[in-house]
């Protein structure tokens, strides 16, 4: 069960009104109530290509993200749907459906670059949805990936090679899935059957030549291969060949869908449920729902601040800058968290050392008390023995000699064992203290309480 509100329907997370982004506060409140780690799946692609249908499949609902049946783009901004993860207990699956790229009604096409960048930043599994085939035209439509490299080239040294020098950015890029809808080709290469993944890798091979268009196409291929080292491809048949049913695919029965399409959809969902990772920051810190909300605000604020100061030409390059600045803020947060943990450990170490000093003094006092008590008993026994001799009880006096000798030996042993006895005890405590410092904070508190109890 999710440790947060169950969303019955999706909600807009990042609004895009008049080509200006803003974060929906109601959506942030929902994320703030989710304390579980999140698996974030975002989908992007051209408008009217069926992105929302796939996201509804992942949510296991026919209705949810609006599908639309006209030539107009239905989804605006980025919409969010938080549902319990179907295969990872104590995890929440966050589905992000994005505004369609390439909408002719948009005034500034660079607005799409920000949508693309936000989806990359927020997700742990990034799905790019396209139609029919992966060819030169399909790669051209994925030019947003190449634009992400421009700022890396501009911010690095003058002799930098852009893509090659951007390795640090790959660490926070999500895994990549390319979905190809209404696929009608045979999966064959040079006369032999190939897998969907082989089809994708073949499409991403660099093509030799010096033609400028070919060079640009190779740059796109290189960017995808570099920024998304873990890649997967799924192809889908048409859901149905009936145009009337296709216009209202959300209303048709499961049995009315093409069996191959149903199987392909099931395989797609199963792969994401199994392989999509928990969203993490650098250093492997897992992101929970209440941590994802501030990240959304950070990324959107960075974009807004950058957007105001940039010229039209710079806007095409600024998506990567936003990613870099957001990553730097994440790094600063991680450093602060590390410093706080170090300070806590140092304070606990000082406390334990102080306790050990006190314990050493306590053990020494107790040892001296034992010696005094043993000496007192010995003197008492000797006095009794002398009295018995004086009173003529020689046999009784001899019987006490063995007990007196035992006490003398005990005192002598205690004096000789002074250093080893305390040393062994404190060595044991030092080992326990080291173990305490290596366990979580809750157990540290228990360990300190145990150590403190020794002084009572």
Protein backbone atom coordinates (compact mmCIF):
# COMPACT_ATOMS: atom_id res chain seq x y z
CA UNK A 1 0.00 0.00 0.00
CA UNK A 2 1.33 3.43 -0.93
CA UNK A 3 2.36 5.69 1.94
CA UNK A 4 0.42 8.58 0.47
CA UNK A 5 -2.82 9.47 -1.25
CA UNK A 6 -4.11 7.13 -3.96
CA UNK A 7 -4.74 9.17 -7.12
CA UNK A 8 -7.90 8.04 -8.88
CA UNK A 9 -7.19 10.30 -11.86
CA UNK A 10 -4.11 12.11 -13.19
CA UNK A 11 -3.35 15.72 -12.29
CA UNK A 12 -1.33 18.40 -14.04
CA UNK A 13 2.11 18.67 -12.42
CA UNK A 14 3.75 21.31 -14.62
CA UNK A 15 1.36 23.73 -16.30
CA UNK A 16 2.28 25.29 -19.65
CA UNK A 17 0.11 28.36 -20.16
CA UNK A 18 1.09 30.92 -22.77
CA UNK A 19 4.36 29.02 -23.10
CA UNK A 20 5.22 29.76 -19.45
CA UNK A 21 5.79 26.91 -17.01
CA UNK A 22 4.42 26.81 -13.46
CA UNK A 23 4.20 24.03 -10.88
CA UNK A 24 0.74 22.97 -9.71
CA UNK A 25 0.67 23.33 -5.91
CA UNK A 26 -2.05 20.68 -5.53
CA UNK A 27 0.18 18.15 -7.25
CA UNK A 28 3.08 19.11 -4.96
CA UNK A 29 0.88 18.45 -1.91
CA UNK A 30 0.18 14.96 -3.20
CA UNK A 31 3.88 14.25 -3.74
CA UNK A 32 4.69 15.66 -0.30
CA UNK A 33 2.50 12.98 1.30
CA UNK A 34 4.37 10.13 -0.41
CA UNK A 35 7.27 8.93 1.73
CA UNK A 36 8.02 5.86 -0.38
CA UNK A 37 10.77 5.69 -3.03
CA UNK A 38 9.40 6.49 -6.48
CA UNK A 39 9.89 4.91 -9.89
CA UNK A 40 9.31 7.71 -12.40
CA UNK A 41 8.33 6.86 -15.99
CA UNK A 42 7.99 9.77 -18.44
CA UNK A 43 6.85 9.57 -22.06
CA UNK A 44 7.51 12.15 -24.78
CA UNK A 45 6.92 12.25 -28.52
CA UNK A 46 5.09 14.03 -31.28
CA UNK A 47 1.52 15.05 -30.56
CA UNK A 48 -1.30 12.66 -31.53
CA UNK A 49 0.89 9.54 -31.47
CA UNK A 50 -0.82 7.64 -28.64
CA UNK A 51 1.48 8.44 -25.72
CA UNK A 52 -1.40 8.75 -23.25
CA UNK A 53 -2.76 5.32 -24.17
CA UNK A 54 0.51 3.64 -23.17
CA UNK A 55 0.57 5.51 -19.87
CA UNK A 56 -2.99 4.40 -19.11
CA UNK A 57 -1.85 0.83 -19.79
CA UNK A 58 0.94 1.26 -17.24
CA UNK A 59 -1.62 2.55 -14.73
CA UNK A 60 -3.78 -0.50 -15.57
CA UNK A 61 -6.70 1.76 -16.38
CA UNK A 62 -8.60 2.33 -19.63
CA UNK A 63 -9.40 5.90 -18.67
CA UNK A 64 -7.08 8.39 -17.03
CA UNK A 65 -4.76 10.43 -19.19
CA UNK A 66 -6.97 12.04 -21.88
CA UNK A 67 -6.52 10.41 -25.28
CA UNK A 68 -8.37 12.78 -27.59
CA UNK A 69 -9.60 11.93 -31.06
CA UNK A 70 -8.90 15.08 -33.08
CA UNK A 71 -5.84 16.59 -34.75
CA UNK A 72 -5.33 18.90 -31.77
CA UNK A 73 -2.89 18.06 -29.00
CA UNK A 74 -4.85 16.96 -25.93
CA UNK A 75 -2.21 17.06 -23.16
CA UNK A 76 -0.71 20.42 -22.15
CA UNK A 77 2.30 20.65 -19.85
CA UNK A 78 3.24 17.55 -17.84
CA UNK A 79 0.57 15.42 -16.17
CA UNK A 80 1.23 13.12 -13.23
CA UNK A 81 -0.43 9.94 -11.99
CA UNK A 82 0.89 8.31 -8.79
CA UNK A 83 -0.17 4.67 -8.36
CA UNK A 84 1.09 1.79 -6.19
CA UNK A 85 3.89 -0.05 -7.98
CA UNK A 86 2.45 -3.38 -9.19
CA UNK A 87 5.63 -5.41 -8.59
CA UNK A 88 7.83 -3.43 -6.16
CA UNK A 89 6.40 -3.40 -2.63
CA UNK A 90 6.66 -0.11 -0.74
CA UNK A 91 7.32 1.81 -3.97
CA UNK A 92 5.14 4.29 -5.83
CA UNK A 93 4.98 4.38 -9.62
CA UNK A 94 4.86 7.97 -10.89
CA UNK A 95 3.67 8.24 -14.50
CA UNK A 96 4.40 11.49 -16.37
CA UNK A 97 2.52 12.15 -19.61
CA UNK A 98 3.94 15.11 -21.51
CA UNK A 99 2.64 17.65 -23.95
CA UNK A 100 3.02 16.52 -27.56
CA UNK A 101 6.14 17.80 -29.30
CA UNK A 102 5.88 19.60 -32.63
CA UNK A 103 2.40 21.05 -32.10
CA UNK A 104 1.81 23.55 -34.94
CA UNK A 105 -0.30 25.71 -32.61
CA UNK A 106 2.73 26.58 -30.48
CA UNK A 107 4.25 29.99 -31.05
CA UNK A 108 7.76 29.08 -29.93
CA UNK A 109 8.93 25.56 -30.88
CA UNK A 110 11.76 25.86 -28.34
CA UNK A 111 9.10 25.37 -25.69
CA UNK A 112 9.35 21.70 -26.67
CA UNK A 113 13.01 21.62 -25.63
CA UNK A 114 12.03 22.46 -22.05
CA UNK A 115 9.35 19.74 -22.02
CA UNK A 116 11.94 17.25 -23.26
CA UNK A 117 14.56 18.38 -20.71
CA UNK A 118 12.10 18.23 -17.78
CA UNK A 119 11.05 14.70 -18.75
CA UNK A 120 14.70 13.59 -18.86
CA UNK A 121 15.51 15.24 -15.53
CA UNK A 122 12.53 13.87 -13.62
CA UNK A 123 12.38 10.30 -14.89
CA UNK A 124 14.20 7.07 -14.13
CA UNK A 125 12.74 5.51 -17.32
CA UNK A 126 12.35 7.75 -20.38
CA UNK A 127 10.04 6.61 -23.21
CA UNK A 128 10.23 8.23 -26.64
CA UNK A 129 7.15 7.47 -28.73
CA UNK A 130 7.14 7.73 -32.54
CA UNK A 131 5.19 6.41 -35.52
CA UNK A 132 5.74 3.79 -38.23
CA UNK A 133 9.52 3.36 -38.39
CA UNK A 134 12.92 4.53 -37.15
CA UNK A 135 14.39 6.31 -40.15
CA UNK A 136 16.16 9.58 -40.92
CA UNK A 137 12.93 11.55 -40.49
CA UNK A 138 12.26 9.93 -37.09
CA UNK A 139 15.78 10.76 -35.94
CA UNK A 140 15.40 14.37 -37.13
CA UNK A 141 12.32 14.71 -34.93
CA UNK A 142 14.48 13.69 -31.95
CA UNK A 143 16.74 16.71 -32.42
CA UNK A 144 16.10 17.75 -28.80
CA UNK A 145 18.77 15.27 -27.69
CA UNK A 146 21.38 17.01 -29.82
CA UNK A 147 20.33 20.40 -28.45
CA UNK A 148 21.10 19.16 -24.95
CA UNK A 149 24.78 18.85 -25.92
CA UNK A 150 25.19 22.42 -27.18
CA UNK A 151 25.46 23.99 -23.74
CA UNK A 152 27.98 21.37 -22.66
CA UNK A 153 30.14 22.42 -25.59
CA UNK A 154 29.67 26.12 -24.80
CA UNK A 155 30.46 25.77 -21.08
CA UNK A 156 33.48 23.52 -21.46
CA UNK A 157 36.90 24.50 -22.78
CA UNK A 158 37.19 25.95 -26.31
CA UNK A 159 38.78 22.75 -27.57
CA UNK A 160 36.15 20.46 -26.05
CA UNK A 161 34.30 17.96 -28.19
CA UNK A 162 30.85 18.41 -26.67
CA UNK A 163 29.48 14.88 -26.55
CA UNK A 164 32.78 13.30 -25.50
CA UNK A 165 33.22 15.83 -22.68
CA UNK A 166 29.69 15.40 -21.33
CA UNK A 167 30.19 12.07 -19.55
CA UNK A 168 29.30 13.61 -16.19
CA UNK A 169 25.77 14.27 -17.42
CA UNK A 170 25.13 10.63 -18.35
CA UNK A 171 25.10 9.70 -14.65
CA UNK A 172 21.69 11.29 -14.11
CA UNK A 173 20.15 10.44 -17.49
CA UNK A 174 17.39 7.81 -17.30
CA UNK A 175 17.18 4.50 -19.13
CA UNK A 176 15.75 4.91 -22.64
CA UNK A 177 12.90 3.14 -24.45
CA UNK A 178 11.95 3.89 -28.05
CA UNK A 179 8.38 2.83 -28.86
CA UNK A 180 7.39 2.65 -32.53
CA UNK A 181 3.62 2.73 -33.13
CA UNK A 182 1.70 1.38 -36.14
CA UNK A 183 4.79 -0.58 -37.17
CA UNK A 184 4.23 -2.44 -40.46
CA UNK A 185 7.74 -3.52 -41.49
CA UNK A 186 9.21 -6.99 -41.11
CA UNK A 187 11.90 -7.27 -38.47
CA UNK A 188 14.57 -8.55 -40.85
CA UNK A 189 18.10 -7.42 -41.67
CA UNK A 190 20.07 -8.84 -44.59
CA UNK A 191 17.52 -11.60 -44.93
CA UNK A 192 17.64 -12.77 -41.30
CA UNK A 193 15.15 -12.11 -38.47
CA UNK A 194 16.22 -9.52 -35.90
CA UNK A 195 14.88 -8.40 -32.53
CA UNK A 196 13.37 -5.02 -31.78
CA UNK A 197 16.54 -4.03 -29.92
CA UNK A 198 18.70 -5.01 -32.90
CA UNK A 199 16.43 -2.92 -35.11
CA UNK A 200 17.07 0.11 -32.89
CA UNK A 201 20.83 -0.44 -32.69
CA UNK A 202 21.06 -0.81 -36.47
CA UNK A 203 19.18 2.49 -36.90
CA UNK A 204 21.67 4.18 -34.55
CA UNK A 205 24.77 3.03 -36.44
CA UNK A 206 26.87 5.89 -37.80
CA UNK A 207 26.70 6.22 -41.58
CA UNK A 208 29.99 7.04 -43.36
CA UNK A 209 30.02 10.12 -45.57
CA UNK A 210 30.77 13.85 -45.65
CA UNK A 211 27.36 15.17 -46.67
CA UNK A 212 26.29 17.94 -44.19
CA UNK A 213 22.84 16.40 -43.72
CA UNK A 214 24.43 13.02 -43.12
CA UNK A 215 26.84 14.59 -40.63
CA UNK A 216 23.94 16.12 -38.67
CA UNK A 217 22.11 12.81 -38.70
CA UNK A 218 25.19 11.08 -37.31
CA UNK A 219 25.41 13.67 -34.53
CA UNK A 220 21.87 12.72 -33.48
CA UNK A 221 22.79 9.04 -33.49
CA UNK A 222 25.93 9.72 -31.48
CA UNK A 223 24.02 11.78 -28.91
CA UNK A 224 21.39 9.08 -28.36
CA UNK A 225 24.05 6.38 -27.99
CA UNK A 226 26.13 8.51 -25.63
CA UNK A 227 23.44 9.96 -23.37
CA UNK A 228 21.34 6.80 -23.20
CA UNK A 229 23.77 3.86 -22.87
CA UNK A 230 20.95 1.56 -21.71
CA UNK A 231 18.40 1.35 -24.53
CA UNK A 232 15.36 -0.76 -25.38
CA UNK A 233 12.92 -0.82 -28.30
CA UNK A 234 9.29 -1.93 -28.60
CA UNK A 235 7.28 -1.99 -31.83
CA UNK A 236 3.48 -2.01 -31.88
CA UNK A 237 0.99 -3.05 -34.54
CA UNK A 238 -2.07 -0.88 -35.05
CA UNK A 239 -4.54 -1.40 -32.17
CA UNK A 240 -7.26 -2.09 -34.74
CA UNK A 241 -7.81 -1.57 -38.44
CA UNK A 242 -11.29 -0.19 -37.83
CA UNK A 243 -10.95 3.61 -38.11
CA UNK A 244 -14.16 4.27 -36.16
CA UNK A 245 -12.98 2.10 -33.27
CA UNK A 246 -9.52 3.62 -33.45
CA UNK A 247 -10.95 7.12 -32.98
CA UNK A 248 -12.35 6.03 -29.59
CA UNK A 249 -9.83 3.39 -28.57
CA UNK A 250 -10.44 4.08 -24.87
CA UNK A 251 -14.04 2.91 -25.23
CA UNK A 252 -13.53 -0.36 -27.09
CA UNK A 253 -13.40 -3.74 -25.42
CA UNK A 254 -10.11 -5.52 -24.88
CA UNK A 255 -11.31 -8.30 -27.19
CA UNK A 256 -11.74 -5.78 -30.02
CA UNK A 257 -8.05 -4.90 -30.00
CA UNK A 258 -5.66 -6.72 -32.30
CA UNK A 259 -4.22 -9.74 -30.38
CA UNK A 260 -0.66 -8.86 -31.43
CA UNK A 261 -1.13 -5.30 -30.16
CA UNK A 262 -2.45 -6.61 -26.82
CA UNK A 263 0.58 -8.89 -26.44
CA UNK A 264 2.97 -6.08 -27.40
CA UNK A 265 1.34 -3.75 -24.86
CA UNK A 266 1.59 -6.42 -22.15
CA UNK A 267 5.28 -6.97 -22.93
CA UNK A 268 5.93 -3.23 -22.77
CA UNK A 269 4.23 -2.85 -19.38
CA UNK A 270 5.88 -5.96 -17.96
CA UNK A 271 9.34 -4.71 -18.96
CA UNK A 272 8.82 -1.34 -17.28
CA UNK A 273 7.38 -2.89 -14.11
CA UNK A 274 10.43 -5.16 -13.89
CA UNK A 275 13.29 -2.98 -15.15
CA UNK A 276 12.41 0.65 -14.40
CA UNK A 277 14.65 1.66 -11.50
CA UNK A 278 13.95 3.77 -8.45
CA UNK A 279 14.66 7.43 -9.17
CA UNK A 280 18.02 8.35 -7.64
CA UNK A 281 20.20 11.41 -7.33
CA UNK A 282 23.95 11.33 -7.66
CA UNK A 283 25.70 9.26 -4.99
CA UNK A 284 22.82 6.77 -5.24
CA UNK A 285 20.43 8.65 -2.93
CA UNK A 286 16.91 7.32 -3.52
CA UNK A 287 14.22 9.87 -4.30
CA UNK A 288 10.93 9.65 -2.40
CA UNK A 289 7.71 11.37 -3.39
CA UNK A 290 8.28 14.18 -0.90
CA UNK A 291 11.76 14.69 -2.38
CA UNK A 292 10.52 14.62 -5.99
CA UNK A 293 8.30 17.67 -5.41
CA UNK A 294 11.19 20.03 -4.52
CA UNK A 295 13.14 18.68 -7.51
CA UNK A 296 10.27 19.64 -9.83
CA UNK A 297 10.22 23.16 -8.34
CA UNK A 298 14.01 23.46 -8.65
CA UNK A 299 14.04 22.41 -12.30
CA UNK A 300 11.12 24.63 -13.31
CA UNK A 301 12.51 27.65 -11.43
CA UNK A 302 15.88 27.17 -13.12
CA UNK A 303 14.18 27.06 -16.51
CA UNK A 304 12.15 30.20 -15.79
CA UNK A 305 15.18 32.15 -14.58
CA UNK A 306 17.22 31.05 -17.57
CA UNK A 307 14.42 31.71 -20.05
CA UNK A 308 14.07 35.35 -19.05
CA UNK A 309 17.73 36.14 -19.64
CA UNK A 310 18.24 34.32 -22.92
CA UNK A 311 17.94 35.41 -26.53
CA UNK A 312 15.99 33.30 -28.99
CA UNK A 313 19.17 31.60 -30.19
CA UNK A 314 20.33 30.82 -26.66
CA UNK A 315 16.98 29.24 -25.80
CA UNK A 316 17.80 26.37 -28.11
CA UNK A 317 20.87 25.64 -25.95
CA UNK A 318 19.51 26.38 -22.48
CA UNK A 319 17.84 23.06 -21.68
CA UNK A 320 21.23 21.52 -20.89
CA UNK A 321 22.19 24.50 -18.74
CA UNK A 322 19.08 23.96 -16.65
CA UNK A 323 20.02 20.33 -16.21
CA UNK A 324 23.57 21.23 -15.15
CA UNK A 325 22.47 23.87 -12.62
CA UNK A 326 19.85 21.54 -11.18
CA UNK A 327 22.47 18.79 -10.88
CA UNK A 328 24.80 21.21 -9.06
CA UNK A 329 22.03 22.03 -6.57
CA UNK A 330 21.51 18.32 -6.00
CA UNK A 331 25.25 17.94 -5.39
CA UNK A 332 25.24 20.78 -2.86
CA UNK A 333 22.33 19.15 -1.03
CA UNK A 334 24.22 15.83 -0.95
CA UNK A 335 27.36 17.52 0.42
CA UNK A 336 25.34 19.19 3.17
CA UNK A 337 23.71 15.89 4.08
CA UNK A 338 27.13 14.19 4.19
CA UNK A 339 28.56 16.92 6.45
CA UNK A 340 25.62 16.62 8.82
CA UNK A 341 26.11 12.86 9.02
CA UNK A 342 29.85 13.31 9.68
CA UNK A 343 29.16 15.83 12.45
CA UNK A 344 26.66 13.45 14.02
CA UNK A 345 29.17 10.57 13.91
CA UNK A 346 31.92 12.75 15.41
CA UNK A 347 29.61 13.86 18.22
CA UNK A 348 28.67 10.24 18.92
CA UNK A 349 32.35 9.26 18.88
CA UNK A 350 33.22 11.98 21.42
CA UNK A 351 30.32 10.89 23.61
CA UNK A 352 31.47 7.27 23.54
CA UNK A 353 35.08 8.24 24.34
CA UNK A 354 33.89 10.31 27.29
CA UNK A 355 31.78 7.39 28.48
CA UNK A 356 34.76 5.02 28.20
CA UNK A 357 36.91 7.39 30.31
CA UNK A 358 34.16 7.52 32.93
CA UNK A 359 33.82 3.75 32.77
CA UNK A 360 37.58 3.30 33.25
CA UNK A 361 37.43 5.45 36.38
CA UNK A 362 34.35 3.56 37.60
CA UNK A 363 36.02 0.17 37.06
CA UNK A 364 39.15 1.33 38.90
CA UNK A 365 37.08 2.57 41.84
CA UNK A 366 35.18 -0.71 41.99
CA UNK A 367 38.44 -2.67 41.88
CA UNK A 368 39.85 -0.63 44.76
CA UNK A 369 36.61 -1.18 46.69
CA UNK A 370 36.92 -4.93 46.13
CA UNK A 371 40.53 -4.92 47.35
CA UNK A 372 39.61 -2.94 50.45
CA UNK A 373 36.73 -5.30 51.21
CA UNK A 374 38.91 -8.38 50.70
CA UNK A 375 41.65 -6.89 52.93
CA UNK A 376 39.09 -6.06 55.61
CA UNK A 377 37.73 -9.62 55.56
CA UNK A 378 41.28 -11.04 55.70
CA UNK A 379 42.18 -8.91 58.71
CA UNK A 380 38.94 -9.96 60.38
CA UNK A 381 39.69 -13.65 59.77
CA UNK A 382 43.27 -13.27 61.14
CA UNK A 383 41.90 -11.56 64.26
CA UNK A 384 39.45 -14.43 64.79
CA UNK A 385 42.29 -16.93 64.32
CA UNK A 386 44.45 -15.16 66.91
CA UNK A 387 41.54 -15.09 69.37
CA UNK A 388 40.99 -18.82 68.90
CA UNK A 389 44.67 -19.54 69.59
CA UNK A 390 44.63 -17.40 72.70
CA UNK A 391 41.54 -19.21 73.92
CA UNK A 392 43.08 -22.64 73.29
CA UNK A 393 41.12 -23.60 70.19
CA UNK A 394 44.14 -24.64 68.16
CA UNK A 395 42.21 -27.03 65.90
CA UNK A 396 39.68 -24.36 65.02
CA UNK A 397 42.54 -21.96 64.30
CA UNK A 398 44.16 -24.42 61.90
CA UNK A 399 40.87 -24.89 60.07
CA UNK A 400 40.73 -21.15 59.40
CA UNK A 401 44.29 -21.13 57.95
CA UNK A 402 43.09 -22.48 54.59
CA UNK A 403 40.43 -19.78 54.28
CA UNK A 404 42.97 -17.09 55.20
CA UNK A 405 45.39 -18.37 52.54
CA UNK A 406 42.60 -18.36 49.95
CA UNK A 407 41.84 -14.72 50.72
CA UNK A 408 45.54 -13.80 50.49
CA UNK A 409 45.79 -15.49 47.07
CA UNK A 410 42.62 -13.72 45.90
CA UNK A 411 44.00 -10.32 46.91
CA UNK A 412 47.33 -11.04 45.27
CA UNK A 413 45.61 -12.14 42.04
CA UNK A 414 43.41 -9.05 41.95
CA UNK A 415 46.47 -6.80 42.35
CA UNK A 416 48.43 -8.61 39.63
CA UNK A 417 45.47 -8.58 37.20
CA UNK A 418 44.95 -4.82 37.47
CA UNK A 419 46.06 -3.81 33.97
CA UNK A 420 44.86 -6.85 31.94
CA UNK A 421 41.45 -6.88 33.63
CA UNK A 422 40.65 -3.25 32.83
CA UNK A 423 42.33 -3.48 29.43
CA UNK A 424 40.24 -6.47 28.36
CA UNK A 425 37.06 -4.78 29.50
CA UNK A 426 37.79 -1.52 27.67
CA UNK A 427 38.97 -3.34 24.55
CA UNK A 428 35.59 -5.05 24.47
CA UNK A 429 33.84 -1.71 24.89
CA UNK A 430 35.93 -0.14 22.12
CA UNK A 431 34.87 -2.95 19.78
CA UNK A 432 31.25 -2.43 20.74
CA UNK A 433 31.61 1.33 20.19
CA UNK A 434 32.99 0.80 16.68
CA UNK A 435 30.09 -1.47 15.88
CA UNK A 436 27.65 1.11 17.21
CA UNK A 437 29.09 3.83 14.93
CA UNK A 438 28.65 1.61 11.87
CA UNK A 439 24.91 0.99 12.30
CA UNK A 440 21.89 3.24 11.64
CA UNK A 441 21.10 6.15 13.93
CA UNK A 442 18.30 4.34 15.79
CA UNK A 443 20.68 1.59 16.88
CA UNK A 444 23.31 4.17 17.82
CA UNK A 445 20.86 5.68 20.29
CA UNK A 446 20.25 2.21 21.78
CA UNK A 447 23.99 1.61 21.98
CA UNK A 448 24.62 4.89 23.78
CA UNK A 449 21.81 4.17 26.23
CA UNK A 450 23.39 0.75 26.93
CA UNK A 451 26.80 2.33 27.45
CA UNK A 452 25.32 4.95 29.75
CA UNK A 453 23.61 2.27 31.82
CA UNK A 454 27.02 0.92 32.84
CA UNK A 455 27.61 3.98 35.00
CA UNK A 456 24.49 3.51 37.09
